[in-house]
Amino acid sequence: MGRFVLKDTFYKKAKQEGFRARSAYKLKEIETKFHIVRKGGAVLDLGCSPGSFLQVLSEMVGEKGTVVGIDILPTPPLPAKNITAIQGDIRETDISAILSGLPFTSFDVITCDIAPNLSGIREVDDARIEELFGSVVKTVEGGLKPGGHFIIKSFFTTVQKNITDELKRRFEKVSTYKPAASRSVSSEVYFVCMGKK
């Protein structure tokens, strides 16, 4: 019974407060703990649809900040003027082409709340997670400024150590965090990576 109460609490709260998904509260919790996003900053959100991270990031960076989202699915329009949503597959996205149309050369923060389509077959799922992670890391490599921060959702799998090791090579500090807004039955965790080397 308890596991459903949590779901209902954050689901209802999101509806009441106008957020498109409960994941808005995961990002808010991460920000409260780690202080990743600054006013006036530029943030890229990978896997942005339906837009709950974009909504939260828009508030965090304020009017002078910029939030860009990419997703293979269309993102319903959001009213905030500091948000741009692009429909595209991050596995094929050229980050330099996106940056060429913006008034800065790299992002201060990149967030990624993507979940690959999991089959329940460990070998298949691990391969999908690694493929997705490889695409995301390529985008971070080309699009995140030195000293910038990165948040990525992951799942407890056999490739977890490889992912952690790769992140530790690229960032000064890597923390693992499970927000209260995550479902208790979910194995999802977030890597909060600070200070791109």
N, C-alpha and C. Protein backbone atom coordinates (compact mmCIF):
# COMPACT_ATOMS: atom_id res chain seq x y z
N MET A 1 0.83 -1.21 0.00
CA MET A 1 0.00 0.00 0.00
C MET A 1 0.86 1.26 0.00
N GLY A 2 1.90 1.26 0.85
CA GLY A 2 2.73 2.45 1.01
C GLY A 2 3.35 2.95 -0.28
N ARG A 3 3.75 2.03 -1.14
CA ARG A 3 4.44 2.44 -2.37
C ARG A 3 3.52 3.28 -3.26
N PHE A 4 2.21 3.01 -3.22
CA PHE A 4 1.27 3.75 -4.05
C PHE A 4 0.94 5.12 -3.47
N VAL A 5 1.02 5.24 -2.16
CA VAL A 5 0.77 6.54 -1.52
C VAL A 5 1.78 7.56 -2.02
N LEU A 6 3.07 7.14 -2.10
CA LEU A 6 4.12 8.04 -2.56
C LEU A 6 3.84 8.49 -3.99
N LYS A 7 3.49 7.53 -4.83
CA LYS A 7 3.18 7.85 -6.23
C LYS A 7 2.07 8.89 -6.28
N ASP A 8 1.00 8.64 -5.54
CA ASP A 8 -0.14 9.54 -5.55
C ASP A 8 0.23 10.92 -5.07
N THR A 9 1.04 11.00 -4.02
CA THR A 9 1.41 12.30 -3.45
C THR A 9 2.08 13.18 -4.49
N PHE A 10 3.12 12.66 -5.16
CA PHE A 10 3.87 13.48 -6.12
C PHE A 10 3.11 13.66 -7.43
N TYR A 11 2.34 12.66 -7.80
CA TYR A 11 1.53 12.76 -9.02
C TYR A 11 0.50 13.88 -8.86
N LYS A 12 -0.20 13.85 -7.71
CA LYS A 12 -1.23 14.86 -7.45
C LYS A 12 -0.62 16.25 -7.31
N LYS A 13 0.54 16.30 -6.62
CA LYS A 13 1.20 17.58 -6.42
C LYS A 13 1.59 18.21 -7.77
N ALA A 14 2.10 17.37 -8.68
CA ALA A 14 2.49 17.85 -10.01
C ALA A 14 1.27 18.42 -10.74
N LYS A 15 0.15 17.70 -10.66
CA LYS A 15 -1.07 18.18 -11.31
C LYS A 15 -1.53 19.52 -10.72
N GLN A 16 -1.51 19.59 -9.38
CA GLN A 16 -1.98 20.81 -8.70
C GLN A 16 -1.09 22.01 -9.01
N GLU A 17 0.23 21.78 -9.09
CA GLU A 17 1.16 22.89 -9.25
C GLU A 17 1.51 23.17 -10.72
N GLY A 18 0.87 22.43 -11.63
CA GLY A 18 1.04 22.72 -13.04
C GLY A 18 2.29 22.14 -13.69
N PHE A 19 2.91 21.16 -13.04
CA PHE A 19 4.06 20.49 -13.65
C PHE A 19 3.58 19.29 -14.46
N ARG A 20 4.29 19.01 -15.54
CA ARG A 20 3.84 17.98 -16.46
C ARG A 20 4.13 16.55 -15.98
N ALA A 21 5.03 16.40 -15.02
CA ALA A 21 5.34 15.06 -14.50
C ALA A 21 5.95 15.19 -13.12
N ARG A 22 5.90 14.10 -12.37
CA ARG A 22 6.46 14.06 -11.02
C ARG A 22 7.96 14.30 -11.00
N SER A 23 8.63 14.07 -12.16
CA SER A 23 10.09 14.24 -12.22
C SER A 23 10.52 15.67 -11.90
N ALA A 24 9.59 16.62 -12.01
CA ALA A 24 9.90 18.01 -11.62
C ALA A 24 10.44 18.06 -10.19
N TYR A 25 9.86 17.23 -9.31
CA TYR A 25 10.27 17.27 -7.90
C TYR A 25 11.61 16.58 -7.67
N LYS A 26 11.94 15.64 -8.54
CA LYS A 26 13.27 15.00 -8.45
C LYS A 26 14.35 16.06 -8.71
N LEU A 27 14.14 16.85 -9.76
CA LEU A 27 15.12 17.89 -10.10
C LEU A 27 15.18 18.95 -9.01
N LYS A 28 14.04 19.33 -8.47
CA LYS A 28 14.02 20.33 -7.39
C LYS A 28 14.82 19.83 -6.18
N GLU A 29 14.64 18.55 -5.84
CA GLU A 29 15.38 17.97 -4.71
C GLU A 29 16.88 17.97 -4.96
N ILE A 30 17.27 17.58 -6.18
CA ILE A 30 18.70 17.54 -6.54
C ILE A 30 19.29 18.95 -6.44
N GLU A 31 18.56 19.93 -6.93
CA GLU A 31 19.05 21.32 -6.89
C GLU A 31 19.18 21.81 -5.44
N THR A 32 18.22 21.49 -4.61
CA THR A 32 18.26 21.91 -3.20
C THR A 32 19.50 21.34 -2.50
N LYS A 33 19.84 20.10 -2.84
CA LYS A 33 20.98 19.44 -2.19
C LYS A 33 22.33 19.86 -2.78
N PHE A 34 22.39 20.01 -4.12
CA PHE A 34 23.70 20.17 -4.77
C PHE A 34 23.97 21.57 -5.35
N HIS A 35 22.93 22.40 -5.52
CA HIS A 35 23.11 23.76 -6.06
C HIS A 35 23.87 23.75 -7.39
N ILE A 36 23.23 23.17 -8.38
CA ILE A 36 23.85 22.96 -9.70
C ILE A 36 23.60 24.14 -10.65
N VAL A 37 22.38 24.68 -10.63
CA VAL A 37 21.95 25.65 -11.64
C VAL A 37 22.02 27.06 -11.08
N ARG A 38 22.51 28.01 -11.90
CA ARG A 38 22.58 29.40 -11.42
C ARG A 38 21.69 30.29 -12.29
N LYS A 39 21.26 31.40 -11.71
CA LYS A 39 20.46 32.40 -12.45
C LYS A 39 21.27 32.89 -13.65
N GLY A 40 20.59 33.04 -14.77
CA GLY A 40 21.25 33.53 -15.97
C GLY A 40 22.05 32.47 -16.71
N GLY A 41 22.01 31.23 -16.22
CA GLY A 41 22.81 30.16 -16.83
C GLY A 41 22.16 29.58 -18.07
N ALA A 42 22.94 28.72 -18.75
CA ALA A 42 22.47 28.03 -19.95
C ALA A 42 22.44 26.53 -19.66
N VAL A 43 21.28 25.92 -19.84
CA VAL A 43 21.10 24.51 -19.50
C VAL A 43 20.53 23.74 -20.69
N LEU A 44 21.09 22.55 -20.93
CA LEU A 44 20.58 21.64 -21.96
C LEU A 44 19.96 20.44 -21.26
N ASP A 45 18.71 20.11 -21.64
CA ASP A 45 18.02 18.95 -21.06
C ASP A 45 17.82 17.90 -22.15
N LEU A 46 18.44 16.74 -21.96
CA LEU A 46 18.33 15.65 -22.93
C LEU A 46 17.19 14.73 -22.54
N GLY A 47 16.32 14.43 -23.51
CA GLY A 47 15.14 13.62 -23.23
C GLY A 47 14.09 14.45 -22.51
N CYS A 48 13.78 15.63 -23.07
CA CYS A 48 13.02 16.65 -22.32
C CYS A 48 11.51 16.44 -22.28
N SER A 49 10.93 15.68 -23.24
CA SER A 49 9.47 15.53 -23.28
C SER A 49 8.97 14.71 -22.08
N PRO A 50 7.87 15.07 -21.45
CA PRO A 50 6.88 16.09 -21.83
C PRO A 50 7.22 17.52 -21.40
N GLY A 51 8.31 17.71 -20.65
CA GLY A 51 8.73 19.08 -20.37
C GLY A 51 8.82 19.47 -18.91
N SER A 52 8.70 18.53 -17.97
CA SER A 52 8.71 18.92 -16.55
C SER A 52 10.08 19.45 -16.11
N PHE A 53 11.18 18.86 -16.60
CA PHE A 53 12.51 19.41 -16.28
C PHE A 53 12.64 20.82 -16.87
N LEU A 54 12.14 21.00 -18.09
CA LEU A 54 12.22 22.33 -18.72
C LEU A 54 11.50 23.37 -17.88
N GLN A 55 10.33 23.00 -17.35
CA GLN A 55 9.56 23.93 -16.52
C GLN A 55 10.36 24.37 -15.29
N VAL A 56 10.98 23.41 -14.63
CA VAL A 56 11.75 23.70 -13.41
C VAL A 56 13.01 24.49 -13.75
N LEU A 57 13.72 24.06 -14.79
CA LEU A 57 14.96 24.74 -15.19
C LEU A 57 14.69 26.18 -15.61
N SER A 58 13.56 26.40 -16.28
CA SER A 58 13.18 27.75 -16.69
C SER A 58 13.09 28.69 -15.49
N GLU A 59 12.48 28.19 -14.42
CA GLU A 59 12.37 28.98 -13.17
C GLU A 59 13.76 29.21 -12.57
N MET A 60 14.58 28.17 -12.59
CA MET A 60 15.90 28.25 -11.94
C MET A 60 16.83 29.26 -12.62
N VAL A 61 16.85 29.27 -13.96
CA VAL A 61 17.77 30.18 -14.65
C VAL A 61 17.22 31.59 -14.76
N GLY A 62 15.90 31.73 -14.66
CA GLY A 62 15.28 33.05 -14.73
C GLY A 62 15.22 33.60 -16.14
N GLU A 63 14.70 34.82 -16.27
CA GLU A 63 14.45 35.43 -17.58
C GLU A 63 15.71 35.57 -18.42
N LYS A 64 16.85 35.81 -17.77
CA LYS A 64 18.09 36.03 -18.52
C LYS A 64 18.82 34.73 -18.85
N GLY A 65 18.30 33.61 -18.38
CA GLY A 65 18.91 32.32 -18.67
C GLY A 65 18.31 31.69 -19.91
N THR A 66 18.90 30.56 -20.32
CA THR A 66 18.46 29.84 -21.51
C THR A 66 18.32 28.36 -21.18
N VAL A 67 17.21 27.77 -21.61
CA VAL A 67 17.00 26.33 -21.44
C VAL A 67 16.67 25.74 -22.81
N VAL A 68 17.47 24.75 -23.21
CA VAL A 68 17.24 24.07 -24.48
C VAL A 68 16.96 22.61 -24.18
N GLY A 69 15.92 22.05 -24.79
CA GLY A 69 15.59 20.64 -24.60
C GLY A 69 15.61 19.89 -25.92
N ILE A 70 16.01 18.62 -25.87
CA ILE A 70 16.00 17.76 -27.06
C ILE A 70 15.27 16.47 -26.69
N ASP A 71 14.39 16.02 -27.57
CA ASP A 71 13.74 14.72 -27.35
C ASP A 71 13.31 14.16 -28.70
N ILE A 72 13.33 12.84 -28.80
CA ILE A 72 12.88 12.17 -30.02
C ILE A 72 11.37 12.34 -30.19
N LEU A 73 10.66 12.58 -29.07
CA LEU A 73 9.22 12.85 -29.10
C LEU A 73 8.98 14.35 -29.11
N PRO A 74 7.87 14.80 -29.69
CA PRO A 74 7.57 16.24 -29.62
C PRO A 74 7.27 16.67 -28.18
N THR A 75 7.67 17.87 -27.83
CA THR A 75 7.38 18.42 -26.51
C THR A 75 6.28 19.47 -26.67
N PRO A 76 5.14 19.28 -26.02
CA PRO A 76 4.07 20.28 -26.14
C PRO A 76 4.61 21.67 -25.76
N PRO A 77 4.22 22.71 -26.49
CA PRO A 77 4.78 24.05 -26.26
C PRO A 77 4.64 24.50 -24.81
N LEU A 78 5.65 25.22 -24.35
CA LEU A 78 5.64 25.81 -23.00
C LEU A 78 5.66 27.33 -23.15
N PRO A 79 4.98 28.04 -22.25
CA PRO A 79 4.86 29.49 -22.43
C PRO A 79 6.13 30.29 -22.14
N ALA A 80 7.04 29.78 -21.34
CA ALA A 80 8.22 30.56 -20.95
C ALA A 80 9.09 30.88 -22.16
N LYS A 81 9.50 32.15 -22.26
CA LYS A 81 10.27 32.61 -23.42
C LYS A 81 11.72 32.11 -23.40
N ASN A 82 12.20 31.64 -22.24
CA ASN A 82 13.60 31.21 -22.17
C ASN A 82 13.78 29.72 -22.48
N ILE A 83 12.71 29.07 -23.00
CA ILE A 83 12.77 27.64 -23.33
C ILE A 83 12.71 27.42 -24.84
N THR A 84 13.61 26.58 -25.36
CA THR A 84 13.53 26.11 -26.75
C THR A 84 13.55 24.60 -26.73
N ALA A 85 12.56 23.97 -27.33
CA ALA A 85 12.52 22.50 -27.40
C ALA A 85 12.73 22.06 -28.85
N ILE A 86 13.66 21.13 -29.02
CA ILE A 86 14.02 20.64 -30.35
C ILE A 86 13.63 19.17 -30.43
N GLN A 87 12.98 18.78 -31.53
CA GLN A 87 12.67 17.36 -31.70
C GLN A 87 13.81 16.71 -32.47
N GLY A 88 14.44 15.71 -31.86
CA GLY A 88 15.56 15.04 -32.52
C GLY A 88 16.05 13.88 -31.67
N ASP A 89 16.78 12.97 -32.30
CA ASP A 89 17.33 11.80 -31.63
C ASP A 89 18.73 12.15 -31.13
N ILE A 90 18.95 12.07 -29.82
CA ILE A 90 20.26 12.50 -29.31
C ILE A 90 21.39 11.62 -29.83
N ARG A 91 21.06 10.42 -30.29
CA ARG A 91 22.10 9.55 -30.85
C ARG A 91 22.63 10.12 -32.17
N GLU A 92 21.83 11.00 -32.77
CA GLU A 92 22.24 11.58 -34.07
C GLU A 92 22.37 13.09 -34.01
N THR A 93 22.23 13.67 -32.83
CA THR A 93 22.25 15.13 -32.71
C THR A 93 23.67 15.67 -32.77
N ASP A 94 23.85 16.71 -33.58
CA ASP A 94 25.14 17.40 -33.67
C ASP A 94 25.09 18.60 -32.72
N ILE A 95 25.73 18.46 -31.57
CA ILE A 95 25.65 19.51 -30.55
C ILE A 95 26.27 20.82 -31.03
N SER A 96 27.30 20.73 -31.87
CA SER A 96 27.93 21.96 -32.37
C SER A 96 26.96 22.73 -33.27
N ALA A 97 26.11 22.02 -34.01
CA ALA A 97 25.11 22.68 -34.85
C ALA A 97 24.08 23.41 -34.00
N ILE A 98 23.69 22.80 -32.89
CA ILE A 98 22.74 23.46 -31.98
C ILE A 98 23.38 24.70 -31.36
N LEU A 99 24.62 24.57 -30.91
CA LEU A 99 25.31 25.71 -30.27
C LEU A 99 25.56 26.84 -31.26
N SER A 100 25.72 26.51 -32.53
CA SER A 100 26.01 27.55 -33.53
C SER A 100 24.86 28.56 -33.65
N GLY A 101 23.65 28.15 -33.26
CA GLY A 101 22.50 29.05 -33.32
C GLY A 101 22.23 29.77 -32.01
N LEU A 102 23.14 29.63 -31.04
CA LEU A 102 22.93 30.23 -29.72
C LEU A 102 24.02 31.27 -29.42
N PRO A 103 23.74 32.20 -28.51
CA PRO A 103 24.70 33.27 -28.23
C PRO A 103 25.81 32.89 -27.24
N PHE A 104 26.09 31.60 -27.11
CA PHE A 104 27.18 31.15 -26.23
C PHE A 104 27.78 29.89 -26.85
N THR A 105 28.96 29.50 -26.38
CA THR A 105 29.69 28.40 -27.03
C THR A 105 29.54 27.06 -26.32
N SER A 106 29.01 27.06 -25.10
CA SER A 106 28.80 25.80 -24.37
C SER A 106 27.78 26.01 -23.27
N PHE A 107 27.24 24.92 -22.76
CA PHE A 107 26.24 24.97 -21.69
C PHE A 107 26.92 24.91 -20.32
N ASP A 108 26.30 25.55 -19.33
CA ASP A 108 26.80 25.50 -17.95
C ASP A 108 26.42 24.19 -17.27
N VAL A 109 25.25 23.67 -17.65
CA VAL A 109 24.71 22.46 -17.03
C VAL A 109 24.02 21.63 -18.11
N ILE A 110 24.16 20.31 -18.03
CA ILE A 110 23.38 19.40 -18.88
C ILE A 110 22.65 18.43 -17.96
N THR A 111 21.36 18.24 -18.21
CA THR A 111 20.57 17.27 -17.45
C THR A 111 20.06 16.20 -18.41
N CYS A 112 19.87 15.00 -17.88
CA CYS A 112 19.39 13.88 -18.71
C CYS A 112 18.52 12.96 -17.87
N ASP A 113 17.23 12.94 -18.19
CA ASP A 113 16.28 12.12 -17.44
C ASP A 113 15.72 11.00 -18.33
N ILE A 114 16.52 10.58 -19.31
CA ILE A 114 16.05 9.57 -20.26
C ILE A 114 16.10 8.18 -19.63
N ALA A 115 15.07 7.40 -19.93
CA ALA A 115 15.10 5.98 -19.58
C ALA A 115 15.03 5.19 -20.89
N PRO A 116 16.00 4.31 -21.15
CA PRO A 116 15.90 3.49 -22.36
C PRO A 116 14.71 2.54 -22.25
N ASN A 117 14.22 2.08 -23.39
CA ASN A 117 13.14 1.08 -23.37
C ASN A 117 13.73 -0.24 -22.88
N LEU A 118 13.33 -0.65 -21.69
CA LEU A 118 13.90 -1.87 -21.10
C LEU A 118 13.01 -3.08 -21.40
N SER A 119 13.67 -4.21 -21.69
CA SER A 119 12.96 -5.41 -22.12
C SER A 119 12.82 -6.42 -20.98
N GLY A 120 13.66 -6.27 -19.94
CA GLY A 120 13.69 -7.27 -18.89
C GLY A 120 14.75 -8.35 -19.14
N ILE A 121 15.37 -8.30 -20.33
CA ILE A 121 16.47 -9.22 -20.65
C ILE A 121 17.77 -8.47 -20.36
N ARG A 122 18.53 -8.95 -19.38
CA ARG A 122 19.66 -8.18 -18.86
C ARG A 122 20.66 -7.76 -19.96
N GLU A 123 21.05 -8.71 -20.81
CA GLU A 123 22.07 -8.40 -21.83
C GLU A 123 21.57 -7.32 -22.78
N VAL A 124 20.31 -7.43 -23.19
CA VAL A 124 19.72 -6.45 -24.12
C VAL A 124 19.65 -5.08 -23.44
N ASP A 125 19.15 -5.07 -22.21
CA ASP A 125 18.98 -3.81 -21.49
C ASP A 125 20.32 -3.13 -21.21
N ASP A 126 21.32 -3.92 -20.81
CA ASP A 126 22.63 -3.35 -20.54
C ASP A 126 23.21 -2.72 -21.81
N ALA A 127 23.01 -3.39 -22.95
CA ALA A 127 23.50 -2.85 -24.23
C ALA A 127 22.79 -1.53 -24.56
N ARG A 128 21.49 -1.47 -24.31
CA ARG A 128 20.72 -0.24 -24.58
C ARG A 128 21.17 0.90 -23.67
N ILE A 129 21.39 0.57 -22.40
CA ILE A 129 21.83 1.59 -21.44
C ILE A 129 23.19 2.13 -21.85
N GLU A 130 24.09 1.23 -22.24
CA GLU A 130 25.44 1.66 -22.63
C GLU A 130 25.41 2.49 -23.91
N GLU A 131 24.57 2.11 -24.87
CA GLU A 131 24.47 2.87 -26.12
C GLU A 131 23.97 4.29 -25.83
N LEU A 132 22.94 4.36 -25.03
CA LEU A 132 22.37 5.66 -24.67
C LEU A 132 23.39 6.51 -23.91
N PHE A 133 24.05 5.89 -22.95
CA PHE A 133 25.05 6.60 -22.16
C PHE A 133 26.17 7.12 -23.05
N GLY A 134 26.60 6.30 -24.03
CA GLY A 134 27.65 6.73 -24.96
C GLY A 134 27.24 7.97 -25.73
N SER A 135 25.99 8.02 -26.20
CA SER A 135 25.48 9.19 -26.94
C SER A 135 25.43 10.42 -26.05
N VAL A 136 24.98 10.22 -24.81
CA VAL A 136 24.88 11.35 -23.87
C VAL A 136 26.26 11.90 -23.55
N VAL A 137 27.21 11.01 -23.29
CA VAL A 137 28.58 11.44 -22.96
C VAL A 137 29.20 12.23 -24.12
N LYS A 138 28.91 11.81 -25.34
CA LYS A 138 29.43 12.52 -26.53
C LYS A 138 28.87 13.96 -26.54
N THR A 139 27.60 14.09 -26.21
CA THR A 139 26.98 15.42 -26.16
C THR A 139 27.59 16.26 -25.04
N VAL A 140 27.83 15.63 -23.89
CA VAL A 140 28.44 16.33 -22.75
C VAL A 140 29.86 16.77 -23.11
N GLU A 141 30.58 15.90 -23.79
CA GLU A 141 31.96 16.21 -24.19
C GLU A 141 32.00 17.44 -25.09
N GLY A 142 31.06 17.51 -26.05
CA GLY A 142 31.07 18.61 -27.01
C GLY A 142 30.31 19.85 -26.57
N GLY A 143 29.39 19.69 -25.60
CA GLY A 143 28.49 20.80 -25.30
C GLY A 143 28.58 21.41 -23.92
N LEU A 144 29.29 20.74 -22.98
CA LEU A 144 29.35 21.24 -21.60
C LEU A 144 30.68 21.96 -21.38
N LYS A 145 30.61 23.13 -20.78
CA LYS A 145 31.84 23.92 -20.58
C LYS A 145 32.74 23.25 -19.52
N PRO A 146 34.05 23.51 -19.58
CA PRO A 146 34.94 23.03 -18.51
C PRO A 146 34.47 23.59 -17.16
N GLY A 147 34.42 22.73 -16.16
CA GLY A 147 33.91 23.15 -14.85
C GLY A 147 32.40 23.04 -14.73
N GLY A 148 31.73 22.68 -15.85
CA GLY A 148 30.27 22.58 -15.86
C GLY A 148 29.78 21.33 -15.14
N HIS A 149 28.47 21.28 -14.91
CA HIS A 149 27.87 20.20 -14.13
C HIS A 149 26.89 19.39 -14.98
N PHE A 150 26.66 18.14 -14.56
CA PHE A 150 25.88 17.19 -15.35
C PHE A 150 25.08 16.30 -14.42
N ILE A 151 23.78 16.14 -14.71
CA ILE A 151 22.91 15.25 -13.94
C ILE A 151 22.36 14.21 -14.91
N ILE A 152 22.50 12.93 -14.56
CA ILE A 152 21.96 11.88 -15.42
C ILE A 152 21.28 10.80 -14.60
N LYS A 153 20.11 10.38 -15.08
CA LYS A 153 19.41 9.27 -14.45
C LYS A 153 20.04 7.95 -14.89
N SER A 154 20.14 7.02 -13.95
CA SER A 154 20.64 5.69 -14.30
C SER A 154 19.84 4.65 -13.52
N PHE A 155 20.16 3.40 -13.77
CA PHE A 155 19.48 2.29 -13.10
C PHE A 155 20.53 1.31 -12.61
N PHE A 156 20.22 0.61 -11.53
CA PHE A 156 21.15 -0.39 -11.02
C PHE A 156 21.22 -1.54 -12.02
N THR A 157 22.36 -1.67 -12.68
CA THR A 157 22.55 -2.74 -13.66
C THR A 157 23.99 -3.22 -13.55
N THR A 158 24.31 -4.24 -14.33
CA THR A 158 25.68 -4.76 -14.31
C THR A 158 26.67 -3.79 -14.95
N VAL A 159 26.18 -2.81 -15.73
CA VAL A 159 27.10 -1.84 -16.37
C VAL A 159 27.25 -0.58 -15.52
N GLN A 160 26.63 -0.58 -14.35
CA GLN A 160 26.68 0.61 -13.49
C GLN A 160 28.11 1.04 -13.16
N LYS A 161 28.97 0.08 -12.86
CA LYS A 161 30.34 0.42 -12.48
C LYS A 161 31.09 1.08 -13.65
N ASN A 162 30.88 0.55 -14.87
CA ASN A 162 31.52 1.15 -16.05
C ASN A 162 31.10 2.61 -16.21
N ILE A 163 29.80 2.86 -16.03
CA ILE A 163 29.27 4.21 -16.16
C ILE A 163 29.87 5.12 -15.09
N THR A 164 29.88 4.64 -13.84
CA THR A 164 30.45 5.43 -12.74
C THR A 164 31.91 5.75 -13.00
N ASP A 165 32.68 4.75 -13.44
CA ASP A 165 34.11 4.96 -13.70
C ASP A 165 34.32 6.00 -14.80
N GLU A 166 33.50 5.91 -15.84
CA GLU A 166 33.61 6.85 -16.96
C GLU A 166 33.31 8.28 -16.48
N LEU A 167 32.30 8.43 -15.66
CA LEU A 167 31.95 9.76 -15.14
C LEU A 167 33.05 10.30 -14.24
N LYS A 168 33.63 9.44 -13.43
CA LYS A 168 34.70 9.88 -12.52
C LYS A 168 35.94 10.32 -13.29
N ARG A 169 36.14 9.75 -14.47
CA ARG A 169 37.27 10.19 -15.29
C ARG A 169 37.04 11.60 -15.84
N ARG A 170 35.77 11.94 -16.02
CA ARG A 170 35.45 13.19 -16.69
C ARG A 170 35.09 14.35 -15.75
N PHE A 171 34.76 14.02 -14.50
CA PHE A 171 34.31 15.05 -13.55
C PHE A 171 35.10 14.99 -12.25
N GLU A 172 35.20 16.16 -11.59
CA GLU A 172 35.94 16.24 -10.33
C GLU A 172 35.23 15.45 -9.21
N LYS A 173 33.89 15.54 -9.20
CA LYS A 173 33.13 14.88 -8.13
C LYS A 173 31.88 14.25 -8.70
N VAL A 174 31.63 12.99 -8.36
CA VAL A 174 30.44 12.27 -8.82
C VAL A 174 29.70 11.72 -7.59
N SER A 175 28.45 12.15 -7.41
CA SER A 175 27.64 11.68 -6.28
C SER A 175 26.45 10.89 -6.83
N THR A 176 26.01 9.90 -6.08
CA THR A 176 24.81 9.13 -6.43
C THR A 176 23.69 9.56 -5.49
N TYR A 177 22.51 9.84 -6.06
CA TYR A 177 21.41 10.36 -5.24
C TYR A 177 20.09 9.78 -5.70
N LYS A 178 19.27 9.36 -4.75
CA LYS A 178 17.91 8.88 -5.07
C LYS A 178 16.91 9.83 -4.43
N PRO A 179 16.24 10.65 -5.23
CA PRO A 179 15.28 11.60 -4.66
C PRO A 179 14.07 10.91 -4.03
N ALA A 180 13.48 11.57 -3.06
CA ALA A 180 12.26 11.04 -2.42
C ALA A 180 11.12 10.90 -3.43
N ALA A 181 11.14 11.74 -4.47
CA ALA A 181 10.08 11.70 -5.48
C ALA A 181 10.20 10.51 -6.42
N SER A 182 11.32 9.78 -6.37
CA SER A 182 11.43 8.54 -7.15
C SER A 182 10.53 7.48 -6.51
N ARG A 183 9.93 6.67 -7.33
CA ARG A 183 9.11 5.59 -6.77
C ARG A 183 10.01 4.63 -5.99
N SER A 184 9.53 4.19 -4.83
CA SER A 184 10.33 3.32 -3.97
C SER A 184 10.64 1.99 -4.67
N VAL A 185 9.77 1.57 -5.59
CA VAL A 185 9.98 0.29 -6.29
C VAL A 185 10.96 0.44 -7.46
N SER A 186 11.29 1.68 -7.82
CA SER A 186 12.17 1.90 -8.97
C SER A 186 13.63 1.78 -8.57
N SER A 187 14.45 1.23 -9.49
CA SER A 187 15.89 1.13 -9.22
C SER A 187 16.62 2.38 -9.71
N GLU A 188 15.86 3.41 -10.13
CA GLU A 188 16.55 4.58 -10.68
C GLU A 188 17.32 5.35 -9.61
N VAL A 189 18.45 5.87 -10.03
CA VAL A 189 19.25 6.78 -9.21
C VAL A 189 19.74 7.89 -10.14
N TYR A 190 20.21 8.97 -9.57
CA TYR A 190 20.79 10.04 -10.37
C TYR A 190 22.26 10.19 -10.03
N PHE A 191 23.08 10.33 -11.08
CA PHE A 191 24.47 10.70 -10.88
C PHE A 191 24.54 12.22 -10.99
N VAL A 192 25.06 12.85 -9.97
CA VAL A 192 25.25 14.30 -9.98
C VAL A 192 26.75 14.54 -10.12
N CYS A 193 27.15 15.04 -11.28
CA CYS A 193 28.56 15.15 -11.65
C CYS A 193 28.96 16.62 -11.68
N MET A 194 29.92 16.98 -10.87
CA MET A 194 30.28 18.40 -10.71
C MET A 194 31.72 18.64 -11.14
N GLY A 195 31.91 19.71 -11.91
CA GLY A 195 33.24 20.13 -12.32
C GLY A 195 33.81 19.31 -13.45
N LYS A 196 33.34 19.56 -14.68
CA LYS A 196 33.88 18.84 -15.84
C LYS A 196 35.37 19.13 -15.98
N LYS A 197 36.16 18.08 -16.11
CA LYS A 197 37.63 18.23 -16.23
C LYS A 197 38.00 18.73 -17.62
